[in-house]
């Protein structure tokens, strides 16, 4: 029982950290574009990296969430298990 709760906690933690990381990246990208414009830096590379990495991070975070929810739906409930 404690093992299941520990696994559930780690799964929730991994989802929260992944979404926090993806959100941080999404907040960082507009700042990076603004800095690139201000310093007359390579704007094309900044935009290229932004256009590639934004969908990648969102896809990974969404996939992790989808897998977690799918695993939770398929898992047997604690109260429905008969004591042996």
N, C-alpha and C. Protein backbone atom coordinates (compact mmCIF):
# COMPACT_ATOMS: atom_id res chain seq x y z
N UNK A 1 0.82 -1.19 0.00
CA UNK A 1 0.00 0.00 0.00
C UNK A 1 0.87 1.26 0.00
N UNK A 2 1.87 1.29 0.85
CA UNK A 2 2.77 2.44 0.88
C UNK A 2 3.54 2.53 -0.43
N UNK A 3 3.87 1.36 -1.00
CA UNK A 3 4.58 1.32 -2.28
C UNK A 3 3.76 1.99 -3.38
N UNK A 4 2.45 1.70 -3.43
CA UNK A 4 1.57 2.30 -4.45
C UNK A 4 1.48 3.82 -4.26
N UNK A 5 1.38 4.27 -3.01
CA UNK A 5 1.31 5.70 -2.76
C UNK A 5 2.61 6.40 -3.15
N UNK A 6 3.73 5.74 -2.90
CA UNK A 6 5.02 6.30 -3.26
C UNK A 6 5.14 6.42 -4.78
N UNK A 7 4.72 5.39 -5.51
CA UNK A 7 4.76 5.42 -6.97
C UNK A 7 3.84 6.51 -7.51
N UNK A 8 2.64 6.64 -6.94
CA UNK A 8 1.71 7.68 -7.37
C UNK A 8 2.29 9.06 -7.12
N UNK A 9 2.92 9.25 -5.97
CA UNK A 9 3.56 10.53 -5.66
C UNK A 9 4.65 10.84 -6.68
N UNK A 10 5.48 9.86 -7.01
CA UNK A 10 6.55 10.09 -7.98
C UNK A 10 6.00 10.39 -9.37
N UNK A 11 4.90 9.75 -9.74
CA UNK A 11 4.28 10.04 -11.03
C UNK A 11 3.74 11.46 -11.08
N UNK A 12 3.05 11.87 -10.03
CA UNK A 12 2.56 13.25 -9.99
C UNK A 12 3.71 14.24 -9.99
N UNK A 13 4.76 13.93 -9.26
CA UNK A 13 5.93 14.81 -9.22
C UNK A 13 6.56 14.94 -10.60
N UNK A 14 6.68 13.83 -11.32
CA UNK A 14 7.29 13.90 -12.65
C UNK A 14 6.43 14.72 -13.61
N UNK A 15 5.12 14.60 -13.50
CA UNK A 15 4.24 15.41 -14.36
C UNK A 15 4.36 16.89 -14.01
N UNK A 16 4.34 17.20 -12.73
CA UNK A 16 4.44 18.60 -12.32
C UNK A 16 5.78 19.20 -12.75
N UNK A 17 6.86 18.46 -12.58
CA UNK A 17 8.17 18.97 -12.97
C UNK A 17 8.27 19.14 -14.48
N UNK A 18 7.70 18.22 -15.24
CA UNK A 18 7.75 18.34 -16.69
C UNK A 18 6.97 19.55 -17.16
N UNK A 19 5.78 19.76 -16.60
CA UNK A 19 4.99 20.93 -17.01
C UNK A 19 5.64 22.24 -16.53
N UNK A 20 6.27 22.21 -15.37
CA UNK A 20 6.99 23.40 -14.89
C UNK A 20 8.17 23.71 -15.83
N UNK A 21 8.86 22.66 -16.26
CA UNK A 21 9.98 22.84 -17.18
C UNK A 21 9.48 23.36 -18.53
N UNK A 22 8.41 22.77 -19.06
CA UNK A 22 7.87 23.21 -20.35
C UNK A 22 7.36 24.65 -20.26
N UNK A 23 6.71 25.00 -19.15
CA UNK A 23 6.24 26.37 -18.97
C UNK A 23 7.40 27.34 -18.86
N UNK A 24 8.43 26.95 -18.15
CA UNK A 24 9.62 27.79 -18.05
C UNK A 24 10.27 28.04 -19.41
N UNK A 25 10.34 27.00 -20.23
CA UNK A 25 10.89 27.16 -21.57
C UNK A 25 10.02 28.09 -22.40
N UNK A 26 8.70 27.93 -22.29
CA UNK A 26 7.79 28.78 -23.06
C UNK A 26 7.85 30.24 -22.61
N UNK A 27 8.16 30.48 -21.37
CA UNK A 27 8.33 31.85 -20.88
C UNK A 27 9.70 32.39 -21.31
N UNK A 28 10.69 31.52 -21.36
CA UNK A 28 12.05 31.93 -21.70
C UNK A 28 12.18 32.30 -23.18
N UNK A 29 11.44 31.64 -24.06
CA UNK A 29 11.60 31.86 -25.50
C UNK A 29 11.26 33.29 -25.92
N UNK A 30 10.13 33.88 -25.51
CA UNK A 30 9.89 35.29 -25.89
C UNK A 30 10.97 36.24 -25.33
N UNK A 31 11.45 35.95 -24.14
CA UNK A 31 12.52 36.76 -23.57
C UNK A 31 13.77 36.65 -24.43
N UNK A 32 14.06 35.44 -24.88
CA UNK A 32 15.23 35.22 -25.74
C UNK A 32 15.10 35.97 -27.06
N UNK A 33 13.92 35.99 -27.63
CA UNK A 33 13.70 36.73 -28.87
C UNK A 33 13.86 38.23 -28.62
N UNK A 34 13.35 38.72 -27.51
CA UNK A 34 13.49 40.14 -27.19
C UNK A 34 14.96 40.53 -27.01
N UNK A 35 15.71 39.69 -26.33
CA UNK A 35 17.15 39.96 -26.14
C UNK A 35 17.87 39.92 -27.48
N UNK A 36 17.50 38.98 -28.33
CA UNK A 36 18.11 38.88 -29.65
C UNK A 36 17.84 40.14 -30.47
N UNK A 37 16.63 40.66 -30.38
CA UNK A 37 16.32 41.90 -31.10
C UNK A 37 17.08 43.09 -30.53
N UNK A 38 17.15 43.15 -29.21
CA UNK A 38 17.81 44.28 -28.56
C UNK A 38 19.30 44.32 -28.88
N UNK A 39 19.94 43.17 -28.93
CA UNK A 39 21.38 43.10 -29.16
C UNK A 39 21.74 42.92 -30.63
N UNK A 40 20.74 42.97 -31.51
CA UNK A 40 20.95 42.76 -32.94
C UNK A 40 21.70 41.45 -33.18
N UNK A 41 21.27 40.43 -32.50
CA UNK A 41 21.90 39.12 -32.60
C UNK A 41 21.22 38.33 -33.73
N UNK A 42 21.56 37.08 -33.85
CA UNK A 42 21.04 36.22 -34.90
C UNK A 42 19.58 35.87 -34.63
N UNK A 43 18.68 36.72 -35.10
CA UNK A 43 17.26 36.52 -34.85
C UNK A 43 16.74 35.27 -35.57
N UNK A 44 17.26 34.98 -36.75
CA UNK A 44 16.81 33.80 -37.49
C UNK A 44 17.05 32.52 -36.70
N UNK A 45 18.21 32.40 -36.08
CA UNK A 45 18.51 31.20 -35.30
C UNK A 45 17.65 31.14 -34.04
N UNK A 46 17.42 32.28 -33.44
CA UNK A 46 16.58 32.31 -32.25
C UNK A 46 15.16 31.85 -32.59
N UNK A 47 14.62 32.34 -33.68
CA UNK A 47 13.28 31.94 -34.07
C UNK A 47 13.23 30.48 -34.50
N UNK A 48 14.27 30.01 -35.17
CA UNK A 48 14.31 28.61 -35.59
C UNK A 48 14.31 27.67 -34.38
N UNK A 49 15.14 28.00 -33.40
CA UNK A 49 15.19 27.19 -32.19
C UNK A 49 13.84 27.24 -31.47
N UNK A 50 13.24 28.41 -31.41
CA UNK A 50 11.93 28.56 -30.76
C UNK A 50 10.86 27.74 -31.45
N UNK A 51 10.84 27.78 -32.77
CA UNK A 51 9.81 27.05 -33.51
C UNK A 51 9.98 25.54 -33.43
N UNK A 52 11.19 25.08 -33.20
CA UNK A 52 11.43 23.65 -33.07
C UNK A 52 11.18 23.18 -31.64
N UNK A 53 11.70 23.90 -30.68
CA UNK A 53 11.67 23.42 -29.30
C UNK A 53 10.31 23.56 -28.62
N UNK A 54 9.53 24.55 -29.00
CA UNK A 54 8.21 24.72 -28.37
C UNK A 54 7.33 23.50 -28.58
N UNK A 55 7.14 23.02 -29.82
CA UNK A 55 6.31 21.81 -29.98
C UNK A 55 6.93 20.57 -29.35
N UNK A 56 8.26 20.50 -29.32
CA UNK A 56 8.91 19.33 -28.72
C UNK A 56 8.59 19.25 -27.23
N UNK A 57 8.77 20.35 -26.51
CA UNK A 57 8.50 20.34 -25.07
C UNK A 57 7.02 20.10 -24.78
N UNK A 58 6.14 20.73 -25.55
CA UNK A 58 4.71 20.52 -25.32
C UNK A 58 4.31 19.08 -25.63
N UNK A 59 4.90 18.48 -26.66
CA UNK A 59 4.59 17.09 -27.01
C UNK A 59 5.07 16.14 -25.93
N UNK A 60 6.27 16.34 -25.43
CA UNK A 60 6.79 15.47 -24.38
C UNK A 60 5.96 15.60 -23.10
N UNK A 61 5.61 16.83 -22.72
CA UNK A 61 4.80 17.03 -21.52
C UNK A 61 3.41 16.43 -21.70
N UNK A 62 2.82 16.61 -22.86
CA UNK A 62 1.50 16.05 -23.12
C UNK A 62 1.52 14.53 -23.15
N UNK A 63 2.56 13.95 -23.73
CA UNK A 63 2.68 12.49 -23.78
C UNK A 63 2.85 11.91 -22.38
N UNK A 64 3.68 12.53 -21.58
CA UNK A 64 3.87 12.07 -20.21
C UNK A 64 2.56 12.13 -19.43
N UNK A 65 1.81 13.20 -19.60
CA UNK A 65 0.53 13.32 -18.93
C UNK A 65 -0.46 12.28 -19.43
N UNK A 66 -0.50 12.06 -20.74
CA UNK A 66 -1.41 11.07 -21.33
C UNK A 66 -1.09 9.66 -20.82
N UNK A 67 0.18 9.32 -20.78
CA UNK A 67 0.57 8.00 -20.30
C UNK A 67 0.22 7.84 -18.82
N UNK A 68 0.47 8.86 -18.03
CA UNK A 68 0.15 8.78 -16.61
C UNK A 68 -1.35 8.59 -16.39
N UNK A 69 -2.16 9.35 -17.11
CA UNK A 69 -3.61 9.23 -16.94
C UNK A 69 -4.07 7.85 -17.41
N UNK A 70 -3.51 7.36 -18.50
CA UNK A 70 -3.86 6.02 -18.99
C UNK A 70 -3.48 4.93 -18.00
N UNK A 71 -2.33 5.06 -17.38
CA UNK A 71 -1.92 4.08 -16.37
C UNK A 71 -2.81 4.15 -15.14
N UNK A 72 -3.22 5.35 -14.76
CA UNK A 72 -4.09 5.49 -13.59
C UNK A 72 -5.48 4.90 -13.85
N UNK A 73 -5.98 5.02 -15.06
CA UNK A 73 -7.31 4.48 -15.37
C UNK A 73 -7.28 2.97 -15.41
N UNK A 74 -6.16 2.39 -15.83
CA UNK A 74 -6.08 0.94 -15.93
C UNK A 74 -5.67 0.25 -14.64
N UNK A 75 -5.26 1.02 -13.65
CA UNK A 75 -4.80 0.44 -12.39
C UNK A 75 -5.99 0.00 -11.55
N UNK A 76 -5.88 -1.13 -10.86
CA UNK A 76 -6.97 -1.56 -9.97
C UNK A 76 -7.08 -0.62 -8.77
N UNK A 77 -8.28 -0.42 -8.31
CA UNK A 77 -8.54 0.44 -7.16
C UNK A 77 -8.15 -0.28 -5.87
N UNK A 78 -7.72 0.47 -4.90
CA UNK A 78 -7.32 -0.12 -3.62
C UNK A 78 -8.51 -0.74 -2.90
N UNK A 79 -9.66 -0.03 -2.92
CA UNK A 79 -10.80 -0.53 -2.16
C UNK A 79 -11.47 -1.74 -2.82
N UNK A 80 -11.21 -1.93 -4.12
CA UNK A 80 -11.82 -3.07 -4.80
C UNK A 80 -11.00 -4.35 -4.67
N UNK A 81 -9.78 -4.25 -4.16
CA UNK A 81 -8.95 -5.43 -3.99
C UNK A 81 -9.34 -6.17 -2.73
N UNK A 82 -9.42 -7.46 -2.84
CA UNK A 82 -9.80 -8.27 -1.68
C UNK A 82 -8.54 -8.59 -0.88
N UNK A 83 -8.63 -8.49 0.45
CA UNK A 83 -7.46 -8.85 1.27
C UNK A 83 -7.20 -10.34 1.19
N UNK A 84 -5.92 -10.72 1.11
CA UNK A 84 -5.60 -12.14 1.04
C UNK A 84 -5.05 -12.66 2.34
